[in-house]
N, C-alpha and C. Protein backbone atom coordinates (compact mmCIF):
# COMPACT_ATOMS: atom_id res chain seq x y z
N UNK A 1 0.95 -1.10 0.20
CA UNK A 1 0.01 -0.22 -0.17
C UNK A 1 0.33 1.34 -0.16
N UNK A 2 1.97 1.28 1.09
CA UNK A 2 2.91 2.31 1.05
C UNK A 2 3.46 2.49 -0.21
N UNK A 3 4.02 2.04 -1.14
CA UNK A 3 4.48 2.13 -1.99
C UNK A 3 3.85 2.58 -3.18
N UNK A 4 2.73 1.94 -3.03
CA UNK A 4 2.31 2.54 -4.46
C UNK A 4 1.71 3.89 -3.94
N UNK A 5 1.44 4.74 -3.12
CA UNK A 5 1.02 5.70 -2.70
C UNK A 5 2.11 6.39 -3.10
N UNK A 6 3.38 5.91 -2.15
CA UNK A 6 4.20 6.70 -2.53
C UNK A 6 5.14 7.44 -3.71
N UNK A 7 5.08 6.15 -4.58
CA UNK A 7 5.59 6.29 -5.67
C UNK A 7 4.56 7.44 -6.60
N UNK A 8 3.50 7.18 -6.55
CA UNK A 8 2.38 8.06 -7.16
C UNK A 8 3.05 8.15 -8.84
N UNK A 9 3.14 7.07 -8.87
CA UNK A 9 3.41 7.15 -10.92
C UNK A 9 2.53 7.37 -11.97
N UNK A 10 1.00 7.45 -11.19
CA UNK A 10 -0.40 7.38 -12.29
C UNK A 10 -0.20 8.50 -12.61
N UNK A 11 -0.28 8.25 -13.98
CA UNK A 11 -0.34 10.02 -14.90
C UNK A 11 -1.57 10.66 -14.89
N UNK A 12 -2.71 10.37 -14.56
CA UNK A 12 -4.10 11.02 -14.50
C UNK A 12 -4.29 10.85 -13.11
N UNK A 13 -5.22 11.68 -12.49
CA UNK A 13 -5.95 12.06 -11.51
C UNK A 13 -7.17 10.75 -11.21
N UNK A 14 -7.69 10.54 -12.17
CA UNK A 14 -8.41 8.99 -11.90
C UNK A 14 -8.14 8.24 -11.93
N UNK A 15 -6.31 7.56 -11.95
CA UNK A 15 -5.84 6.87 -12.01
C UNK A 15 -5.42 6.59 -10.33
N UNK A 16 -4.96 7.54 -10.21
CA UNK A 16 -4.59 8.19 -8.91
C UNK A 16 -5.71 7.95 -7.51
N UNK A 17 -6.71 8.49 -8.00
CA UNK A 17 -8.28 8.25 -7.12
C UNK A 17 -8.23 7.01 -7.33
N UNK A 18 -8.66 6.54 -7.67
CA UNK A 18 -8.68 4.60 -7.68
C UNK A 18 -8.29 3.89 -6.69
N UNK A 19 -6.47 4.60 -7.18
CA UNK A 19 -5.54 3.81 -6.38
C UNK A 19 -5.79 4.30 -4.91
N UNK A 20 -5.95 5.36 -4.54
CA UNK A 20 -6.37 5.99 -3.11
C UNK A 20 -7.54 5.10 -2.63
N UNK A 21 -8.48 4.83 -3.24
CA UNK A 21 -9.99 4.42 -2.59
C UNK A 21 -9.58 2.75 -2.66
N UNK A 22 -8.82 1.76 -3.74
CA UNK A 22 -8.37 0.79 -3.18
C UNK A 22 -7.34 0.81 -1.92
N UNK A 23 -6.80 1.64 -1.63
CA UNK A 23 -5.97 1.95 -0.84
C UNK A 23 -6.52 1.80 0.83
N UNK A 24 -7.50 2.71 0.87
CA UNK A 24 -8.41 2.55 1.64
C UNK A 24 -8.95 1.52 2.32
N UNK A 25 -9.95 0.69 1.23
CA UNK A 25 -10.32 -0.14 1.07
C UNK A 25 -9.20 -1.48 1.95
N UNK A 26 -8.36 -1.48 1.14
CA UNK A 26 -7.30 -2.16 2.03
C UNK A 26 -6.67 -2.06 3.60
N UNK A 27 -6.60 -0.68 3.64
CA UNK A 27 -6.34 -0.66 5.06
C UNK A 27 -7.68 -1.07 6.58
N UNK A 28 -8.84 -1.00 5.63
CA UNK A 28 -9.92 -0.90 6.61
C UNK A 28 -9.71 -2.40 6.67
N UNK A 29 -10.16 -3.41 5.64
CA UNK A 29 -9.61 -4.87 5.72
C UNK A 29 -8.27 -5.05 6.86
N UNK A 30 -6.97 -4.41 6.66
CA UNK A 30 -5.92 -5.11 7.15
C UNK A 30 -6.52 -4.57 8.92
N UNK A 31 -7.06 -3.31 8.98
CA UNK A 31 -7.70 -3.34 10.17
C UNK A 31 -8.54 -4.16 10.75
N UNK A 32 -9.23 -5.08 10.34
CA UNK A 32 -10.17 -5.73 10.35
C UNK A 32 -9.36 -7.16 11.06
N UNK A 33 -8.13 -7.51 9.87
CA UNK A 33 -7.41 -8.37 10.14
C UNK A 33 -6.76 -8.25 11.51
N UNK A 34 -6.22 -7.03 12.14
CA UNK A 34 -5.36 -6.91 13.24
C UNK A 34 -6.47 -7.42 14.50
N UNK A 35 -7.78 -6.44 14.02
CA UNK A 35 -8.64 -6.76 15.24
C UNK A 35 -9.02 -8.16 15.81
N UNK A 36 -9.25 -8.87 14.38
CA UNK A 36 -9.50 -10.53 14.64
C UNK A 36 -8.18 -10.66 15.50
N UNK A 37 -6.66 -10.20 15.14
CA UNK A 37 -5.43 -10.72 15.49
C UNK A 37 -5.34 -10.66 17.05
N UNK A 38 -5.92 -9.72 17.56
CA UNK A 38 -6.37 -9.13 19.12
C UNK A 38 -7.09 -10.07 20.03
N UNK A 39 -8.04 -10.47 19.10
CA UNK A 39 -9.26 -11.11 19.40
C UNK A 39 -8.50 -12.44 19.95
N UNK A 40 -7.79 -12.85 18.58
CA UNK A 40 -7.08 -14.82 19.04
C UNK A 40 -6.10 -14.80 19.30
N UNK A 41 -5.21 -13.98 19.65
CA UNK A 41 -3.87 -14.17 20.20
C UNK A 41 -3.56 -13.15 21.40
N UNK A 42 -4.90 -12.26 21.87
CA UNK A 42 -4.46 -11.29 22.58
C UNK A 42 -3.40 -12.19 24.45
N UNK A 43 -4.92 -12.90 24.20
CA UNK A 43 -4.41 -13.73 25.50
C UNK A 43 -2.56 -14.60 25.63
N UNK A 44 -2.49 -15.05 24.06
CA UNK A 44 -1.36 -15.59 24.35
C UNK A 44 -0.42 -14.55 24.46
N UNK A 45 -0.36 -13.56 23.93
CA UNK A 45 0.44 -12.42 24.04
C UNK A 45 0.78 -12.21 25.49
N UNK A 46 -0.19 -11.89 26.05
CA UNK A 46 -0.75 -11.76 27.92
C UNK A 46 0.26 -12.91 28.54
N UNK A 47 -0.17 -14.15 28.21
CA UNK A 47 0.47 -15.44 28.95
C UNK A 47 1.95 -15.28 28.42
N UNK A 48 2.18 -15.06 27.34
CA UNK A 48 3.49 -15.11 27.32
C UNK A 48 4.28 -13.84 28.22
N UNK A 49 4.25 -12.57 28.55
CA UNK A 49 4.30 -11.87 29.07
C UNK A 49 4.44 -12.33 30.94
N UNK A 50 3.17 -13.08 31.20
CA UNK A 50 3.19 -13.47 32.40
C UNK A 50 3.95 -14.42 32.87
N UNK A 51 4.32 -15.66 31.41
CA UNK A 51 5.52 -16.64 31.60
C UNK A 51 7.14 -15.82 32.20
N UNK A 52 7.17 -15.34 31.15
CA UNK A 52 8.26 -14.33 31.09
C UNK A 52 8.77 -13.63 32.59
N UNK A 53 7.79 -12.77 33.16
CA UNK A 53 7.99 -12.48 34.23
C UNK A 53 7.94 -13.56 35.77
N UNK A 54 7.09 -14.77 35.20
CA UNK A 54 7.34 -15.70 36.28
C UNK A 54 8.58 -16.44 36.54
N UNK A 55 9.15 -16.49 35.38
CA UNK A 55 10.60 -17.09 34.79
C UNK A 55 11.61 -15.88 35.73
N UNK A 56 11.41 -14.66 35.08
CA UNK A 56 12.26 -13.71 35.66
C UNK A 56 12.19 -14.20 37.27
N UNK A 57 10.95 -13.83 38.31
CA UNK A 57 10.90 -14.01 39.95
C UNK A 57 11.51 -15.17 39.95
N UNK A 58 11.33 -16.64 39.55
CA UNK A 58 11.89 -17.62 40.15
C UNK A 58 13.56 -17.79 39.76
N UNK A 59 13.64 -16.93 39.03
CA UNK A 59 15.65 -16.89 38.66
C UNK A 59 16.04 -15.95 39.83
N UNK A 60 15.11 -14.71 39.99
CA UNK A 60 15.53 -14.13 41.41
C UNK A 60 15.64 -14.96 42.78
N UNK A 61 14.21 -15.62 42.66
CA UNK A 61 14.39 -16.59 44.11
C UNK A 61 15.39 -17.49 44.08
N UNK A 62 16.12 -17.96 42.87
CA UNK A 62 17.38 -18.84 42.36
C UNK A 62 18.79 -18.29 42.95
N UNK A 63 18.58 -16.78 42.47
CA UNK A 63 19.53 -16.30 42.99
C UNK A 63 20.21 -15.75 44.35
N UNK A 64 18.96 -15.56 45.14
CA UNK A 64 18.89 -15.63 46.66
C UNK A 64 19.28 -16.78 47.32
N UNK A 65 18.96 -17.78 46.93
CA UNK A 65 19.25 -18.88 47.44
C UNK A 65 20.83 -19.46 47.15
N UNK A 66 21.18 -18.66 45.79
CA UNK A 66 22.64 -19.06 45.84
C UNK A 66 23.35 -18.49 47.46
N UNK A 67 23.63 -17.51 47.97
CA UNK A 67 23.69 -17.38 48.66
C UNK A 67 23.74 -17.24 50.17
N UNK A 68 22.90 -18.41 50.47
CA UNK A 68 22.43 -19.45 51.01
C UNK A 68 23.73 -20.04 51.65
N UNK A 69 24.02 -20.31 52.97
CA UNK A 69 25.12 -21.49 53.25
C UNK A 69 25.12 -22.90 53.02
N UNK A 70 23.83 -23.20 53.00
CA UNK A 70 24.21 -24.43 52.67
C UNK A 70 23.87 -24.92 51.04
N UNK A 71 23.73 -23.66 49.97
CA UNK A 71 23.52 -23.83 48.55
C UNK A 71 24.27 -24.89 48.16
N UNK A 72 24.12 -25.46 47.33
CA UNK A 72 25.12 -26.48 46.30
C UNK A 72 24.72 -25.65 45.47
N UNK A 73 25.59 -24.93 44.35
CA UNK A 73 25.45 -24.27 43.18
C UNK A 73 25.51 -25.34 42.40
N UNK A 74 25.10 -25.38 41.43
CA UNK A 74 24.62 -26.29 40.25
C UNK A 74 24.10 -25.16 38.97
N UNK A 75 25.75 -25.68 38.22
CA UNK A 75 25.57 -25.10 36.68
C UNK A 75 24.88 -24.79 35.69
N UNK A 76 24.13 -26.26 35.95
CA UNK A 76 22.99 -26.64 34.68
C UNK A 76 21.94 -26.46 34.51
N UNK A 77 21.76 -26.03 36.32
CA UNK A 77 20.19 -25.35 36.85
C UNK A 77 20.55 -23.94 36.34
N UNK A 78 21.47 -23.14 36.61
CA UNK A 78 21.74 -21.97 36.27
C UNK A 78 21.52 -21.71 34.92
N UNK A 79 22.02 -21.88 34.16
CA UNK A 79 21.82 -22.35 32.68
C UNK A 79 21.00 -22.37 32.09
N UNK A 80 20.11 -23.37 32.26
CA UNK A 80 18.61 -23.67 31.98
C UNK A 80 17.81 -22.62 32.80
N UNK A 81 17.63 -22.32 33.38
CA UNK A 81 17.27 -20.78 33.72
C UNK A 81 17.67 -19.91 33.02
N UNK A 82 18.67 -19.38 32.64
CA UNK A 82 19.03 -18.26 32.00
C UNK A 82 18.37 -18.09 30.55
N UNK A 83 18.85 -19.88 30.10
CA UNK A 83 17.94 -20.37 28.59
C UNK A 83 16.66 -20.12 28.53
N UNK A 84 15.91 -20.57 29.75
CA UNK A 84 14.03 -19.92 29.75
C UNK A 84 14.02 -18.70 29.65
N UNK A 85 14.99 -17.84 30.40
CA UNK A 85 14.59 -16.76 30.29
C UNK A 85 14.88 -15.39 28.69
N UNK A 86 15.63 -16.43 28.39
CA UNK A 86 16.21 -15.62 27.38
C UNK A 86 15.38 -16.18 25.72
N UNK A 87 14.66 -17.61 26.07
CA UNK A 87 13.87 -17.73 25.24
C UNK A 87 12.67 -17.51 25.03
N UNK A 88 12.04 -16.72 26.48
CA UNK A 88 10.62 -16.08 26.99
C UNK A 88 11.07 -14.35 25.88
N UNK A 89 12.01 -14.16 26.37
CA UNK A 89 12.36 -12.69 25.85
C UNK A 89 12.69 -12.03 24.12
N UNK A 90 13.15 -13.53 23.81
CA UNK A 90 13.54 -13.60 22.31
C UNK A 90 11.79 -13.34 21.92
N UNK A 91 10.97 -14.39 22.37
CA UNK A 91 9.95 -14.50 22.23
C UNK A 91 8.97 -13.55 21.91
N UNK A 92 9.10 -12.63 22.72
CA UNK A 92 8.37 -11.66 23.30
C UNK A 92 8.34 -10.53 22.33
N UNK A 93 10.15 -10.69 22.26
CA UNK A 93 10.76 -8.86 21.64
C UNK A 93 10.19 -9.79 19.84
N UNK A 94 9.96 -10.65 19.34
CA UNK A 94 9.93 -11.41 18.33
C UNK A 94 8.43 -10.64 18.14
N UNK A 95 7.24 -11.15 18.70
CA UNK A 95 6.10 -11.12 18.56
C UNK A 95 6.22 -9.24 18.56
N UNK A 96 6.70 -8.70 19.44
CA UNK A 96 6.78 -7.30 19.65
C UNK A 96 7.38 -6.11 18.44
N UNK A 97 8.31 -6.95 17.95
CA UNK A 97 9.26 -6.48 16.58
C UNK A 97 8.17 -6.52 15.27
N UNK A 98 7.58 -7.52 15.09
CA UNK A 98 6.43 -7.60 14.13
C UNK A 98 5.40 -6.69 14.26
N UNK A 99 4.45 -6.98 14.97
CA UNK A 99 3.65 -6.02 15.51
C UNK A 99 3.53 -4.06 15.50
N UNK A 100 4.95 -3.82 15.94
CA UNK A 100 5.53 -2.67 15.94
C UNK A 100 5.53 -2.13 14.12
N UNK A 101 6.43 -3.21 13.23
CA UNK A 101 6.20 -3.18 11.85
C UNK A 101 5.56 -2.73 11.17
N UNK A 102 4.10 -3.52 11.65
CA UNK A 102 2.75 -3.39 10.70
C UNK A 102 2.77 -1.75 11.29
N UNK A 103 2.80 -1.50 12.29
CA UNK A 103 2.66 0.04 12.96
C UNK A 103 3.27 1.16 12.50
N UNK A 104 4.61 0.61 11.78
CA UNK A 104 5.20 1.82 11.20
C UNK A 104 5.11 1.57 9.60
N UNK A 105 4.65 0.83 9.17
CA UNK A 105 3.90 1.18 7.44
C UNK A 105 2.91 1.80 8.00
N UNK A 106 2.28 1.64 8.39
CA UNK A 106 0.53 2.68 8.85
C UNK A 106 1.17 3.96 9.21
N UNK A 107 2.19 4.69 9.27
CA UNK A 107 3.03 5.69 9.55
C UNK A 107 3.75 6.10 8.05
N UNK A 108 3.88 5.29 8.05
CA UNK A 108 4.86 5.45 6.24
C UNK A 108 3.65 5.81 5.51
N UNK A 109 2.53 5.41 5.48
CA UNK A 109 1.17 5.47 4.34
C UNK A 109 0.78 6.94 5.03
N UNK A 110 0.89 6.75 5.99
CA UNK A 110 0.08 8.44 6.25
C UNK A 110 0.92 9.36 5.91
N UNK A 111 2.77 9.08 5.84
CA UNK A 111 3.44 10.38 4.96
C UNK A 111 3.23 10.56 4.18
N UNK A 112 3.26 9.21 3.47
CA UNK A 112 3.43 9.58 1.88
C UNK A 112 2.28 10.17 1.63
N UNK A 113 1.04 10.10 1.88
CA UNK A 113 -0.33 10.44 1.86
C UNK A 113 -0.16 12.10 2.32
N UNK A 114 0.23 12.44 3.29
CA UNK A 114 0.88 14.00 2.99
C UNK A 114 1.86 14.26 2.49
N UNK A 115 2.59 13.86 1.82
CA UNK A 115 3.40 14.05 0.76
C UNK A 115 2.93 14.56 -0.57
N UNK A 116 1.61 13.46 -0.93
CA UNK A 116 0.90 13.62 -2.15
C UNK A 116 0.36 15.13 -2.12
N UNK A 117 -0.26 15.31 -0.80
CA UNK A 117 -1.13 16.27 -0.72
C UNK A 117 -0.89 17.57 -0.62
N UNK A 118 0.69 17.46 -0.31
CA UNK A 118 1.34 18.63 -0.35
C UNK A 118 1.71 18.79 -1.32
N UNK A 119 1.99 17.94 -2.60
CA UNK A 119 2.49 18.08 -3.78
C UNK A 119 1.20 18.36 -4.57
N UNK A 120 -0.18 18.15 -4.35
CA UNK A 120 -1.12 18.34 -5.31
C UNK A 120 -1.87 19.18 -5.15
N UNK A 121 -2.56 19.46 -6.08
CA UNK A 121 -3.47 21.01 -6.15
C UNK A 121 -4.65 20.78 -4.88
N UNK A 122 -4.72 21.82 -4.39
CA UNK A 122 -5.51 22.60 -3.85
C UNK A 122 -7.21 22.49 -3.47
N UNK A 123 -7.87 21.32 -4.57
CA UNK A 123 -9.16 21.37 -4.55
C UNK A 123 -9.38 19.41 -5.21
N UNK A 124 -10.60 19.64 -5.52
CA UNK A 124 -10.99 18.30 -6.37
C UNK A 124 -10.98 16.82 -5.60
N UNK A 125 -11.34 15.95 -6.25
CA UNK A 125 -11.54 14.88 -6.09
C UNK A 125 -10.38 13.81 -5.06
N UNK A 126 -9.22 14.15 -5.91
CA UNK A 126 -8.50 13.64 -5.77
C UNK A 126 -7.98 13.86 -3.94
N UNK A 127 -7.89 15.25 -3.65
CA UNK A 127 -7.52 15.93 -2.80
C UNK A 127 -8.18 15.53 -1.90
N UNK A 128 -9.90 15.51 -1.91
CA UNK A 128 -10.77 14.83 -0.77
C UNK A 128 -10.21 13.55 -0.50
N UNK A 129 -10.00 12.64 -1.20
CA UNK A 129 -9.56 11.19 -1.69
C UNK A 129 -8.35 11.03 -0.19
N UNK A 130 -7.40 12.38 -0.49
CA UNK A 130 -6.22 12.13 0.07
C UNK A 130 -6.58 12.66 1.54
N UNK A 131 -7.65 13.09 1.84
CA UNK A 131 -7.45 13.58 3.16
C UNK A 131 -8.54 12.64 3.78
N UNK A 132 -9.59 11.81 3.27
CA UNK A 132 -9.96 10.87 3.77
C UNK A 132 -9.20 9.85 3.81
N UNK A 133 -8.56 9.21 3.46
CA UNK A 133 -7.06 8.47 3.88
C UNK A 133 -6.58 8.69 4.96
N UNK A 134 -6.09 10.22 4.80
CA UNK A 134 -5.47 10.62 6.19
C UNK A 134 -6.33 10.27 7.18
N UNK A 135 -6.99 11.09 7.44
CA UNK A 135 -7.91 11.02 8.51
C UNK A 135 -8.75 9.23 8.79
N UNK A 136 -8.53 8.15 7.92
CA UNK A 136 -9.29 7.02 8.30
C UNK A 136 -7.50 6.40 8.97
N UNK A 137 -6.62 6.60 8.70
CA UNK A 137 -5.29 6.30 9.52
C UNK A 137 -5.39 7.00 10.75
N UNK A 138 -5.33 7.99 10.80
CA UNK A 138 -5.55 9.09 11.74
C UNK A 138 -6.76 8.33 12.88
N UNK A 139 -7.84 8.10 12.82
CA UNK A 139 -8.95 7.77 13.74
C UNK A 139 -8.56 6.75 13.80
N UNK A 140 -7.94 5.52 13.39
CA UNK A 140 -7.88 4.26 13.42
C UNK A 140 -6.81 3.80 13.41
N UNK A 141 -5.88 3.86 14.34
CA UNK A 141 -4.69 3.71 14.20
C UNK A 141 -4.06 1.79 14.08
N UNK A 142 -3.26 1.10 13.30
CA UNK A 142 -2.78 0.58 13.79
C UNK A 142 -2.30 0.17 15.39
N UNK A 143 -2.93 -0.77 16.12
CA UNK A 143 -2.82 -1.16 17.04
C UNK A 143 -2.82 -2.37 17.97
N UNK A 144 -1.68 -3.19 18.18
CA UNK A 144 -1.45 -4.65 18.91
C UNK A 144 -1.58 -4.68 20.57
N UNK A 145 -2.63 -5.18 20.71
CA UNK A 145 -2.32 -5.12 22.35
C UNK A 145 -2.43 -6.82 22.99
N UNK A 146 -2.34 -6.88 23.89
CA UNK A 146 -2.21 -8.20 25.01
C UNK A 146 -3.47 -8.26 25.46
N UNK A 147 -4.54 -8.85 24.72
CA UNK A 147 -5.75 -8.84 25.46
C UNK A 147 -6.28 -7.45 25.93
N UNK A 148 -6.10 -6.50 25.40
CA UNK A 148 -6.39 -4.95 25.98
C UNK A 148 -6.13 -4.56 27.16
N UNK A 149 -5.04 -5.52 27.66
CA UNK A 149 -4.63 -4.75 28.81
C UNK A 149 -3.00 -3.67 28.67
N UNK A 150 -2.57 -4.67 27.48
CA UNK A 150 -1.66 -3.06 27.56
C UNK A 150 -1.11 -3.66 25.51
N UNK A 151 -0.40 -2.30 25.13
CA UNK A 151 -0.26 -2.08 23.60
C UNK A 151 0.53 -2.70 23.48
N UNK A 152 0.62 -3.69 22.38
CA UNK A 152 2.25 -4.16 22.40
C UNK A 152 2.84 -3.14 21.23
N UNK A 153 3.90 -2.18 22.24
CA UNK A 153 5.09 -1.54 21.55
C UNK A 153 6.44 -2.28 21.71
N UNK A 154 7.15 -1.10 20.90
CA UNK A 154 8.76 -0.98 21.19
C UNK A 154 9.14 -1.56 23.03
N UNK A 155 8.90 -0.71 23.74
CA UNK A 155 9.06 -0.50 25.10
C UNK A 155 8.76 -1.67 25.87
N UNK A 156 7.85 -2.84 25.52
CA UNK A 156 6.90 -3.40 25.50
C UNK A 156 7.57 -4.51 26.63
N UNK A 157 9.03 -5.47 26.59
CA UNK A 157 9.72 -6.26 26.66
C UNK A 157 10.53 -5.35 28.31
N UNK A 158 10.87 -4.12 27.83
CA UNK A 158 11.35 -3.56 28.97
C UNK A 158 10.50 -3.26 29.44
N UNK A 159 9.36 -2.83 29.73
CA UNK A 159 8.69 -2.50 30.73
C UNK A 159 8.11 -3.86 31.71
N UNK A 160 8.22 -5.06 30.59
CA UNK A 160 7.40 -6.41 31.33
C UNK A 160 9.02 -6.77 32.72
N UNK A 161 10.10 -6.63 31.99
CA UNK A 161 10.98 -6.65 32.89
C UNK A 161 11.24 -6.18 34.20
N UNK A 162 10.89 -4.73 33.58
CA UNK A 162 11.07 -3.44 34.86
C UNK A 162 10.08 -3.60 35.86
N UNK A 163 8.91 -3.96 35.48
CA UNK A 163 7.82 -4.41 36.44
C UNK A 163 8.00 -5.36 37.23
N UNK A 164 8.58 -6.32 36.59
CA UNK A 164 9.10 -7.61 37.65
C UNK A 164 10.56 -7.41 38.39
N UNK A 165 11.03 -6.44 37.83
CA UNK A 165 12.06 -6.75 38.91
C UNK A 165 11.21 -5.48 40.06
N UNK A 166 10.96 -4.57 39.78
CA UNK A 166 10.23 -4.16 41.03
C UNK A 166 9.34 -4.62 42.04
N UNK A 167 8.65 -5.72 41.46
CA UNK A 167 7.79 -6.30 41.79
C UNK A 167 8.71 -7.55 42.94
N UNK A 168 9.85 -8.05 42.09
CA UNK A 168 10.60 -8.80 42.83
C UNK A 168 11.70 -8.03 44.17
N UNK A 169 11.87 -7.11 44.13
CA UNK A 169 12.58 -5.61 44.70
C UNK A 169 11.32 -5.88 46.28
N UNK A 170 10.09 -5.60 45.69
CA UNK A 170 9.00 -5.39 47.09
C UNK A 170 9.15 -6.40 47.47
N UNK A 171 8.80 -7.46 46.84
CA UNK A 171 8.52 -9.00 47.41
C UNK A 171 9.70 -9.34 48.57
N UNK A 172 10.86 -8.84 48.09
CA UNK A 172 12.05 -9.11 49.10
C UNK A 172 12.13 -8.40 50.06
N UNK A 173 11.49 -6.95 50.36
CA UNK A 173 11.82 -6.45 51.58
C UNK A 173 10.85 -6.54 51.94
N UNK A 174 9.13 -6.81 51.71
CA UNK A 174 7.81 -7.36 52.75
C UNK A 174 8.61 -8.69 53.49
N UNK A 175 9.35 -9.83 52.51
CA UNK A 175 9.86 -10.93 53.04
C UNK A 175 10.68 -10.32 54.50
N UNK A 176 11.55 -9.71 54.36
CA UNK A 176 12.60 -9.29 55.21
C UNK A 176 11.78 -8.45 56.24
N UNK A 177 11.20 -7.90 55.96
CA UNK A 177 10.36 -6.88 57.24
C UNK A 177 9.58 -7.73 57.78
N UNK A 178 9.18 -8.93 57.43
CA UNK A 178 8.23 -10.26 58.75
C UNK A 178 9.45 -10.42 59.34
N UNK A 179 10.70 -10.20 59.20
CA UNK A 179 11.89 -11.25 59.99
C UNK A 179 11.65 -12.64 59.27
N UNK A 180 11.26 -13.11 58.36
CA UNK A 180 11.45 -14.19 58.04
C UNK A 180 12.22 -14.56 57.74
N UNK A 181 12.40 -15.89 57.43
CA UNK A 181 13.94 -16.68 57.53
C UNK A 181 13.74 -17.51 56.02
N UNK A 182 14.44 -17.50 55.73
CA UNK A 182 14.77 -17.95 54.12
C UNK A 182 15.29 -19.38 54.84
N UNK A 183 14.29 -20.28 54.47
CA UNK A 183 14.39 -21.64 55.02
C UNK A 183 14.50 -22.82 53.97
N UNK A 184 15.75 -23.52 53.94
CA UNK A 184 15.99 -24.73 53.47
C UNK A 184 15.63 -24.23 51.80
N UNK A 185 16.16 -23.14 51.39
CA UNK A 185 16.35 -22.48 50.14
C UNK A 185 15.24 -22.22 49.49
N UNK A 186 13.88 -22.33 50.56
CA UNK A 186 12.58 -21.74 50.50
C UNK A 186 11.88 -20.49 50.48
N UNK A 187 11.10 -19.52 50.20
CA UNK A 187 11.04 -17.99 50.57
C UNK A 187 9.48 -18.61 51.50
């Protein structure tokens, strides 16, 4: 869609207007597909984020257990923990980057429409079609969510890791304030 609009290789106004009308229809269809994706896979993305958080928390407990006097460090367990965390973070990052690519493409389409609008005459059906497409993109942006709990964007992975780390610190502080002891490697 973006390439066709950006190239604007159409020699007459009628062809260009038809291309813009087709692009509006495609954008509407794409938006429906994204809504369906959010409905079908939103909870999957949410569960991936929760699993990643739980893996990080479990690893934090493992690291605390390492400082206990009777703890026997096992390299294989350490690397298995790290492997699961890295795998979860990679899956989240891949899903996040694919969602962000679709969002970026819609922004490129909007920019191409603005460029065409700047280079076109100020009136006529073509001008109105461009404005309609820009309005549609602006009012219905591409938005991927994890079951509508949060939007999937570039900072999602870091937000999840940061929230998990904060939760872990609060957990450790609350456990130490209760004067609880770390018994046999359990919290």
